Protein backbone atom coordinates (compact mmCIF):
# COMPACT_ATOMS: atom_id res chain seq x y z
CA UNK A 1 56.78 93.00 32.63
CA UNK A 2 54.69 89.83 32.60
CA UNK A 3 52.21 89.22 29.82
CA UNK A 4 48.72 88.41 31.05
CA UNK A 5 46.14 86.39 29.12
CA UNK A 6 42.45 86.94 29.52
CA UNK A 7 40.28 83.77 30.00
CA UNK A 8 38.96 84.25 26.48
CA UNK A 9 42.47 84.37 25.04
CA UNK A 10 43.48 81.27 27.00
CA UNK A 11 40.46 79.37 25.67
CA UNK A 12 41.31 80.46 22.13
CA UNK A 13 44.87 79.20 22.54
CA UNK A 14 43.61 75.80 23.71
CA UNK A 15 41.20 75.54 20.76
CA UNK A 16 43.98 76.44 18.30
CA UNK A 17 46.20 73.75 19.80
CA UNK A 18 43.43 71.22 19.49
CA UNK A 19 42.85 72.14 15.85
CA UNK A 20 46.55 71.70 15.09
CA UNK A 21 46.62 68.31 16.80
CA UNK A 22 43.48 67.26 14.94
CA UNK A 23 45.03 68.26 11.61
CA UNK A 24 48.10 66.13 12.38
CA UNK A 25 46.11 63.09 13.49
CA UNK A 26 45.77 60.18 11.04
CA UNK A 27 42.40 59.88 9.29
CA UNK A 28 39.80 58.16 11.41
CA UNK A 29 41.67 58.70 14.69
CA UNK A 30 39.65 60.25 17.52
CA UNK A 31 40.84 63.59 18.81
CA UNK A 32 41.07 62.19 22.31
CA UNK A 33 41.83 58.50 21.70
CA UNK A 34 41.17 56.19 24.61
CA UNK A 35 43.13 52.97 24.87
CA UNK A 36 40.74 50.02 24.71
CA UNK A 37 40.84 47.70 27.69
CA UNK A 38 42.85 44.50 27.20
CA UNK A 39 40.85 41.45 26.08
CA UNK A 40 39.24 39.31 28.74
CA UNK A 41 40.19 35.65 28.47
CA UNK A 42 37.28 33.39 29.35
CA UNK A 43 39.71 30.82 30.75
CA UNK A 44 40.70 33.22 33.52
CA UNK A 45 37.05 33.18 34.61
CA UNK A 46 37.20 29.43 35.01
CA UNK A 47 35.79 28.17 31.69
CA UNK A 48 36.62 24.49 31.18
CA UNK A 49 36.15 24.05 27.44
CA UNK A 50 35.81 20.26 27.76
CA UNK A 51 32.40 19.95 25.99
CA UNK A 52 31.01 18.30 29.12
CA UNK A 53 31.01 21.01 31.79
CA UNK A 54 28.49 23.79 31.16
CA UNK A 55 30.36 27.06 30.84
CA UNK A 56 27.25 29.25 30.51
CA UNK A 57 27.60 31.05 33.87
CA UNK A 58 31.30 31.73 33.33
CA UNK A 59 30.77 33.13 29.82
CA UNK A 60 27.88 35.31 30.94
CA UNK A 61 29.88 36.75 33.84
CA UNK A 62 32.69 37.68 31.45
CA UNK A 63 30.26 39.24 28.95
CA UNK A 64 28.55 41.15 31.76
CA UNK A 65 31.92 42.53 32.88
CA UNK A 66 32.50 43.77 29.33
CA UNK A 67 29.12 45.50 29.41
CA UNK A 68 29.77 47.08 32.82
CA UNK A 69 33.07 48.45 31.53
CA UNK A 70 31.33 50.06 28.57
CA UNK A 71 32.55 47.41 26.17
CA UNK A 72 35.48 45.14 25.50
CA UNK A 73 36.64 41.94 23.89
CA UNK A 74 36.01 38.44 25.20
CA UNK A 75 38.75 36.14 23.98
CA UNK A 76 37.92 32.44 23.67
CA UNK A 77 41.01 30.24 23.30
CA UNK A 78 41.03 26.73 21.82
CA UNK A 79 38.54 24.36 23.45
CA UNK A 80 34.96 23.21 23.16
CA UNK A 81 32.69 25.19 25.49
CA UNK A 82 29.24 23.80 26.26
CA UNK A 83 26.82 26.70 26.76
CA UNK A 84 23.19 27.66 26.97
CA UNK A 85 21.85 31.06 25.99
CA UNK A 86 24.26 34.02 26.33
CA UNK A 87 23.53 37.73 25.98
CA UNK A 88 25.92 40.34 24.61
CA UNK A 89 25.95 44.03 25.48
CA UNK A 90 26.98 47.06 23.44
CA UNK A 91 30.55 47.66 22.24
CA UNK A 92 31.43 43.99 22.75
CA UNK A 93 33.50 41.65 20.61
CA UNK A 94 33.33 37.88 20.98
CA UNK A 95 36.51 36.50 19.43
CA UNK A 96 36.79 32.74 18.91
CA UNK A 97 40.40 31.75 18.34
CA UNK A 98 41.52 28.85 16.16
CA UNK A 99 39.99 25.56 17.37
CA UNK A 100 37.70 27.41 19.78
CA UNK A 101 34.04 26.33 19.57
CA UNK A 102 30.92 27.13 21.52
CA UNK A 103 28.64 24.07 21.53
CA UNK A 104 24.93 24.55 22.01
CA UNK A 105 23.50 22.79 25.03
CA UNK A 106 20.67 20.44 24.08
CA UNK A 107 18.68 21.22 27.27
CA UNK A 108 15.68 23.49 26.48
CA UNK A 109 15.79 24.80 30.07
CA UNK A 110 19.02 26.63 29.17
CA UNK A 111 17.05 28.96 26.86
CA UNK A 112 14.54 31.30 28.56
CA UNK A 113 11.25 31.96 26.76
CA UNK A 114 10.79 35.51 25.49
CA UNK A 115 8.97 37.43 22.75
CA UNK A 116 10.72 37.68 19.39
CA UNK A 117 9.94 37.74 15.68
CA UNK A 118 9.88 34.41 13.92
CA UNK A 119 8.48 33.74 10.46
CA UNK A 120 7.29 37.34 10.36
CA UNK A 121 5.27 37.52 13.58
CA UNK A 122 6.04 38.24 17.24
CA UNK A 123 5.64 35.01 19.16
CA UNK A 124 6.98 33.00 22.10
CA UNK A 125 10.59 32.05 21.40
CA UNK A 126 13.37 30.45 23.34
CA UNK A 127 16.24 32.91 23.55
CA UNK A 128 19.01 32.13 21.11
CA UNK A 129 22.42 30.74 21.95
CA UNK A 130 23.97 34.18 21.30
CA UNK A 131 21.45 37.00 21.75
CA UNK A 132 21.77 40.79 21.69
CA UNK A 133 19.08 43.47 21.73
CA UNK A 134 19.54 47.24 21.40
CA UNK A 135 23.28 46.69 21.71
CA UNK A 136 25.26 48.66 19.14
CA UNK A 137 28.80 48.00 17.92
CA UNK A 138 28.89 44.23 18.18
CA UNK A 139 31.29 41.76 16.61
CA UNK A 140 31.45 37.97 16.55
CA UNK A 141 34.75 36.93 15.00
CA UNK A 142 36.52 33.70 14.09
CA UNK A 143 38.43 31.68 13.09
CA UNK A 144 36.67 29.44 15.63
CA UNK A 145 32.95 28.78 15.53
CA UNK A 146 29.74 27.22 16.81
CA UNK A 147 28.28 23.74 16.97
CA UNK A 148 24.48 23.75 17.06
CA UNK A 149 22.28 20.98 18.47
CA UNK A 150 19.62 19.29 16.36
CA UNK A 151 18.16 17.76 19.52
CA UNK A 152 16.80 21.19 20.51
CA UNK A 153 14.64 21.44 17.41
CA UNK A 154 12.21 18.53 17.41
CA UNK A 155 9.39 20.93 18.29
CA UNK A 156 10.19 24.29 16.75
CA UNK A 157 7.02 26.20 17.64
CA UNK A 158 5.17 27.20 20.80
CA UNK A 159 7.74 28.19 21.77
CA UNK A 160 10.13 28.50 18.86
CA UNK A 161 13.38 26.63 19.39
CA UNK A 162 16.46 28.79 19.97
CA UNK A 163 18.26 30.12 16.96
CA UNK A 164 22.04 30.08 17.08
CA UNK A 165 22.75 33.83 16.71
CA UNK A 166 20.06 36.51 16.95
CA UNK A 167 20.59 40.27 17.08
CA UNK A 168 17.62 42.63 17.44
CA UNK A 169 17.57 46.42 16.94
CA UNK A 170 21.36 46.73 16.88
CA UNK A 171 23.51 49.12 14.84
CA UNK A 172 26.98 48.24 13.56
CA UNK A 173 27.00 44.44 13.71
CA UNK A 174 29.86 42.34 12.34
CA UNK A 175 29.89 38.58 11.79
CA UNK A 176 33.24 37.58 10.36
CA UNK A 177 35.46 34.59 9.81
CA UNK A 178 33.70 31.96 11.92
CA UNK A 179 32.03 28.65 11.16
CA UNK A 180 28.58 27.51 12.26
CA UNK A 181 27.60 23.88 11.90
CA UNK A 182 24.70 21.77 13.05
CA UNK A 183 25.50 18.31 14.35
CA UNK A 184 24.42 15.21 12.45
CA UNK A 185 20.69 14.81 13.13
CA UNK A 186 19.20 11.61 14.50
CA UNK A 187 17.06 9.53 12.15
CA UNK A 188 13.79 10.77 13.69
CA UNK A 189 14.68 14.46 13.54
CA UNK A 190 13.16 16.57 10.78
CA UNK A 191 13.97 20.14 11.77
CA UNK A 192 16.79 22.42 12.77
CA UNK A 193 16.55 26.18 13.28
CA UNK A 194 17.69 29.42 11.67
CA UNK A 195 21.42 29.89 12.09
CA UNK A 196 21.96 33.68 12.02
CA UNK A 197 19.02 36.08 12.29
CA UNK A 198 19.55 39.86 12.50
CA UNK A 199 16.21 41.67 12.96
CA UNK A 200 15.66 45.46 12.74
CA UNK A 201 19.45 45.92 12.52
CA UNK A 202 21.45 48.50 10.55
CA UNK A 203 25.00 48.47 9.19
CA UNK A 204 25.44 44.71 9.21
CA UNK A 205 28.48 42.93 7.74
CA UNK A 206 28.61 39.15 7.30
CA UNK A 207 31.94 38.18 5.78
CA UNK A 208 33.93 34.96 5.31
CA UNK A 209 31.39 32.75 7.07
CA UNK A 210 31.15 28.98 6.72
CA UNK A 211 27.62 27.75 7.57
CA UNK A 212 26.23 24.21 7.40
CA UNK A 213 22.80 22.82 8.32
CA UNK A 214 20.94 19.82 6.92
CA UNK A 215 17.21 19.86 7.75
CA UNK A 216 14.08 21.95 7.16
CA UNK A 217 13.88 25.35 8.93
CA UNK A 218 17.69 25.31 8.94
CA UNK A 219 18.08 28.66 7.14
CA UNK A 220 21.66 29.92 6.95
CA UNK A 221 21.30 33.72 7.19
CA UNK A 222 17.95 35.50 7.53
CA UNK A 223 18.01 39.28 7.12
CA UNK A 224 14.77 40.49 8.71
CA UNK A 225 13.84 44.19 8.28
CA UNK A 226 17.54 45.09 8.16
CA UNK A 227 19.20 47.96 6.29
CA UNK A 228 22.67 48.67 4.95
CA UNK A 229 23.86 45.08 4.82
CA UNK A 230 26.91 43.53 3.16
CA UNK A 231 27.20 39.76 2.79
CA UNK A 232 30.60 38.96 1.31
CA UNK A 233 32.51 35.78 0.53
CA UNK A 234 30.27 33.45 2.55
CA UNK A 235 29.97 29.71 1.96
CA UNK A 236 26.52 28.53 3.06
CA UNK A 237 24.94 25.13 2.53
CA UNK A 238 21.66 24.94 4.40
CA UNK A 239 18.82 22.53 4.95
CA UNK A 240 16.39 25.29 4.01
CA UNK A 241 17.03 28.68 2.39
CA UNK A 242 20.72 29.64 2.41
CA UNK A 243 19.86 33.36 2.63
CA UNK A 244 16.39 34.67 3.39
CA UNK A 245 15.33 38.28 2.89
CA UNK A 246 12.36 39.11 5.12
CA UNK A 247 10.33 41.99 6.57
CA UNK A 248 7.42 40.53 8.55
CA UNK A 249 4.05 39.20 7.45
CA UNK A 250 0.52 40.48 7.62
CA UNK A 251 -1.16 43.85 8.10
CA UNK A 252 0.89 44.81 11.17
CA UNK A 253 4.15 44.40 9.26
CA UNK A 254 2.73 46.26 6.26
CA UNK A 255 1.81 49.21 8.47
CA UNK A 256 5.10 49.06 10.37
CA UNK A 257 6.85 49.50 6.99
CA UNK A 258 10.28 48.29 8.05
CA UNK A 259 11.72 46.87 4.82
CA UNK A 260 14.98 45.08 4.29
CA UNK A 261 16.77 47.70 2.24
CA UNK A 262 20.19 48.38 0.72
CA UNK A 263 21.49 44.82 0.83
CA UNK A 264 24.48 43.59 -1.19
CA UNK A 265 25.27 39.88 -1.46
CA UNK A 266 28.53 39.28 -3.30
CA UNK A 267 31.19 36.65 -3.96
CA UNK A 268 29.24 33.94 -2.13
CA UNK A 269 28.63 30.23 -2.66
CA UNK A 270 25.03 29.49 -1.65
CA UNK A 271 23.39 26.07 -1.74
CA UNK A 272 20.13 24.78 -0.31
CA UNK A 273 19.52 21.08 0.27
CA UNK A 274 15.72 21.48 0.44
CA UNK A 275 14.80 25.07 -0.40
CA UNK A 276 16.41 27.94 -2.31
CA UNK A 277 19.81 29.60 -2.43
CA UNK A 278 18.26 33.05 -1.96
CA UNK A 279 14.63 33.46 -0.88
CA UNK A 280 12.70 36.70 -1.04
CA UNK A 281 9.99 36.14 1.58
CA UNK A 282 7.67 34.59 2.21
CA UNK A 283 7.51 37.10 5.09
CA UNK A 284 7.85 40.31 3.05
CA UNK A 285 4.88 42.49 3.98
CA UNK A 286 7.17 45.34 5.06
CA UNK A 287 8.85 45.30 1.65
CA UNK A 288 12.30 44.61 0.20
CA UNK A 289 14.18 47.35 -1.61
CA UNK A 290 17.55 47.86 -3.28
CA UNK A 291 18.79 44.27 -3.12
CA UNK A 292 21.83 43.45 -5.26
CA UNK A 293 23.21 39.92 -5.72
CA UNK A 294 26.43 39.79 -7.68
CA UNK A 295 29.22 37.34 -8.55
CA UNK A 296 27.75 34.43 -6.61
CA UNK A 297 27.35 30.72 -7.35
CA UNK A 298 23.84 29.49 -6.53
CA UNK A 299 22.16 26.10 -6.37
CA UNK A 300 19.08 24.79 -4.63
CA UNK A 301 16.94 21.70 -4.54
CA UNK A 302 13.83 23.84 -5.13
CA UNK A 303 15.27 26.88 -6.91
CA UNK A 304 18.16 29.32 -7.00
CA UNK A 305 16.24 32.60 -6.60
CA UNK A 306 12.77 32.29 -5.08
CA UNK A 307 10.26 35.14 -4.77
CA UNK A 308 7.55 33.66 -2.54
CA UNK A 309 4.38 35.21 -1.16
CA UNK A 310 0.62 34.77 -1.06
CA UNK A 311 -2.59 36.79 -1.25
CA UNK A 312 -2.56 37.97 2.37
CA UNK A 313 0.95 39.44 2.48
CA UNK A 314 0.98 42.62 0.42
CA UNK A 315 4.37 44.30 0.32
CA UNK A 316 6.40 45.94 -2.43
CA UNK A 317 9.69 44.53 -3.74
CA UNK A 318 11.51 47.27 -5.61
CA UNK A 319 14.86 47.44 -7.38
CA UNK A 320 16.05 43.85 -7.09
CA UNK A 321 19.02 42.92 -9.26
CA UNK A 322 21.16 39.85 -9.92
CA UNK A 323 24.29 40.19 -12.01
CA UNK A 324 27.24 37.95 -12.82
CA UNK A 325 25.79 34.75 -11.34
CA UNK A 326 26.55 31.10 -11.93
CA UNK A 327 23.42 29.00 -11.36
CA UNK A 328 23.85 25.25 -11.41
CA UNK A 329 22.16 21.96 -10.54
CA UNK A 330 18.72 23.31 -9.76
CA UNK A 331 15.23 22.63 -11.15
CA UNK A 332 14.30 26.34 -11.38
CA UNK A 333 16.71 29.25 -11.68
CA UNK A 334 14.19 32.01 -11.00
CA UNK A 335 10.91 31.10 -9.30
CA UNK A 336 8.13 33.72 -9.02
CA UNK A 337 5.67 32.12 -6.61
CA UNK A 338 3.33 34.86 -5.37
CA UNK A 339 -0.10 33.24 -5.11
CA UNK A 340 -0.04 30.71 -2.30
CA UNK A 341 3.46 30.25 -0.83
CA UNK A 342 4.06 30.31 2.89
CA UNK A 343 1.80 29.98 5.92
CA UNK A 344 -1.43 31.97 6.18
CA UNK A 345 -1.24 34.85 8.65
CA UNK A 346 -3.64 35.57 11.47
CA UNK A 347 -3.43 39.26 10.52
CA UNK A 348 -4.00 39.25 6.74
CA UNK A 349 -3.89 42.10 4.25
CA UNK A 350 -7.35 41.90 2.69
CA UNK A 351 -7.81 44.96 0.44
CA UNK A 352 -7.31 44.26 -3.25
CA UNK A 353 -4.98 44.74 -5.05
CA UNK A 354 -2.78 45.59 -2.04
CA UNK A 355 -3.11 42.07 -0.66
CA UNK A 356 -0.92 40.85 -3.52
CA UNK A 357 2.83 41.41 -3.42
CA UNK A 358 4.07 43.86 -6.05
CA UNK A 359 7.34 43.16 -7.87
CA UNK A 360 8.86 46.27 -9.42
CA UNK A 361 12.12 46.89 -11.28
CA UNK A 362 13.61 43.40 -11.33
CA UNK A 363 16.81 42.88 -13.32
CA UNK A 364 18.68 39.65 -14.12
CA UNK A 365 21.82 40.07 -16.22
CA UNK A 366 24.99 38.19 -17.14
CA UNK A 367 23.96 34.80 -15.79
CA UNK A 368 25.45 31.45 -16.75
CA UNK A 369 23.24 28.40 -16.21
CA UNK A 370 24.39 24.81 -15.94
CA UNK A 371 22.11 21.78 -15.57
CA UNK A 372 18.78 23.50 -14.88
CA UNK A 373 15.31 22.30 -15.73
CA UNK A 374 13.60 25.71 -16.13
CA UNK A 375 15.19 29.13 -16.30
CA UNK A 376 12.14 31.17 -15.20
CA UNK A 377 8.98 29.73 -13.66
CA UNK A 378 6.82 32.83 -13.31
CA UNK A 379 3.19 31.99 -13.96
CA UNK A 380 2.14 32.39 -10.28
CA UNK A 381 1.64 36.18 -10.41
CA UNK A 382 -1.75 37.82 -9.84
CA UNK A 383 -3.20 39.71 -12.84
CA UNK A 384 -4.53 42.22 -10.30
CA UNK A 385 -0.96 43.29 -9.51
CA UNK A 386 1.29 42.58 -12.49
CA UNK A 387 5.06 42.91 -12.33
CA UNK A 388 6.22 46.45 -13.19
CA UNK A 389 9.61 46.27 -14.90
CA UNK A 390 11.33 42.96 -15.58
CA UNK A 391 14.69 42.77 -17.39
CA UNK A 392 16.45 39.60 -18.51
CA UNK A 393 19.67 40.04 -20.52
CA UNK A 394 22.84 38.17 -21.48
CA UNK A 395 21.84 34.72 -20.27
CA UNK A 396 23.63 31.57 -21.46
CA UNK A 397 24.12 27.92 -20.63
CA UNK A 398 22.19 24.65 -20.64
CA UNK A 399 18.52 24.56 -19.71
CA UNK A 400 15.70 22.21 -20.67
CA UNK A 401 12.95 24.83 -20.57
CA UNK A 402 13.24 28.58 -20.94
CA UNK A 403 10.88 31.27 -19.69
CA UNK A 404 7.37 30.82 -18.33
CA UNK A 405 6.00 34.22 -17.32
CA UNK A 406 2.57 35.73 -16.70
CA UNK A 407 1.30 39.21 -15.90
CA UNK A 408 4.27 41.50 -16.42
CA UNK A 409 4.51 45.01 -17.84
CA UNK A 410 7.60 46.84 -19.09
CA UNK A 411 9.45 43.56 -19.61
CA UNK A 412 12.70 43.49 -21.55
CA UNK A 413 14.48 40.45 -23.01
CA UNK A 414 17.81 40.43 -24.78
CA UNK A 415 20.68 38.11 -25.71
CA UNK A 416 19.35 34.87 -24.27
CA UNK A 417 21.43 31.93 -25.53
CA UNK A 418 20.48 28.51 -24.21
CA UNK A 419 21.26 25.02 -25.41
CA UNK A 420 19.72 21.74 -24.33
CA UNK A 421 16.05 22.60 -24.77
CA UNK A 422 13.49 19.84 -24.61
CA UNK A 423 10.55 22.17 -23.94
CA UNK A 424 9.52 25.71 -24.78
CA UNK A 425 11.91 28.60 -25.00
CA UNK A 426 9.19 31.03 -23.86
CA UNK A 427 5.56 30.83 -22.78
CA UNK A 428 4.35 34.37 -22.07
CA UNK A 429 0.85 35.29 -20.90
CA UNK A 430 -0.23 38.91 -20.51
CA UNK A 431 3.36 40.12 -20.87
CA UNK A 432 4.23 43.37 -22.62
CA UNK A 433 7.55 45.03 -23.32
CA UNK A 434 10.54 44.80 -25.64
CA UNK A 435 12.56 41.91 -27.03
CA UNK A 436 9.69 39.44 -26.86
CA UNK A 437 9.91 38.73 -30.59
CA UNK A 438 13.63 37.91 -30.24
CA UNK A 439 13.01 34.89 -28.00
CA UNK A 440 12.10 32.89 -31.08
CA UNK A 441 12.67 29.15 -31.39
CA UNK A 442 14.74 26.98 -29.12
CA UNK A 443 18.46 26.89 -29.67
CA UNK A 444 20.04 23.60 -30.76
CA UNK A 445 20.22 20.86 -28.19
CA UNK A 446 23.52 20.31 -26.48
CA UNK A 447 25.17 16.92 -27.05
CA UNK A 448 23.76 14.27 -24.76
CA UNK A 449 20.66 16.27 -23.77
């Protein structure tokens, strides 16, 4: 006699089998794994890689084929590929092998004009060399890299010159293991352009990057209204700010309320030739929150850590911490510059005190300073919106002037050990909190200072 199964029993048997197979599968493996398509080699599409022939059309065709297939990997073997603007789709990896470089064409016609955010406002911009918008699960991987063209950047505005890499409204973005270098500028060139600029992106990883630029506007990495970001083991020397934390400027950005939030910067070497190693702003109207900088070496011609804003920005910066830093060869270690930094906006925040940027819950601990002029320059803070919570603890090294700070409540100072003073150890105005009486007199001068 044959045993018969009802449809319900058959379905139950299938579900039980699936559960068993799922239990046996390694962690992270999909229940129905699909084999990814093999990488596409850009050479098979006819790319020359001779730095003379423009390979833009070939690269774009290969990237479009990845997008049509639902994703894939574009493999770039050794060579020097001259390209204009390229767009990436979702689920796409651009992998630059050893000695593989994409060189930015210096012809502005290779970069279509579009609307994008730059310096905190939506404006006319030439599309970047590598551009992606609303394209999730992206990766740009080394060990190859990019050569950017200074010749594109003589006139950076109206429209903005192309950035090198720009991702907008993307989730799960990975930049890893590649280099990005601007060419040597001509004598009459004064500007370059931002190198890497994620905007409105989530789950961003920037790891093991080597970035070099020389001139103004040549920011290394600008995180613009991004969340859940890890920057790890990056070596950035930039003409302007090495890393910029931004969230738009003016009333529109304040109302949009898209902060840069949950950002960790760790194990990095950050140097600015004209600006700051890490800049908070000046486009920060949407706010910055939960920013942690740890175990980094910082130096900058202007400052190491720069909080910069003005009386038309507004914005709240909350829970910003720096721990385990080495700060060296800089005039100012921590610069609080909130009164008149940056360009005035056409859409200002006018209501007082909201027009002033609020700093709240700032913490600076376990910092070693070498060859600095001033540890904290913080007298450019509005009394209408004083700092709320400001901790400085376990600071040591050589510094000619200590702490200049105005308009702060709930401040805390402890274990500050400097040598090499030629000025004041502390000049505090309208500052309340704990440990103020421990600042005392300057420590003994270091030999030779």
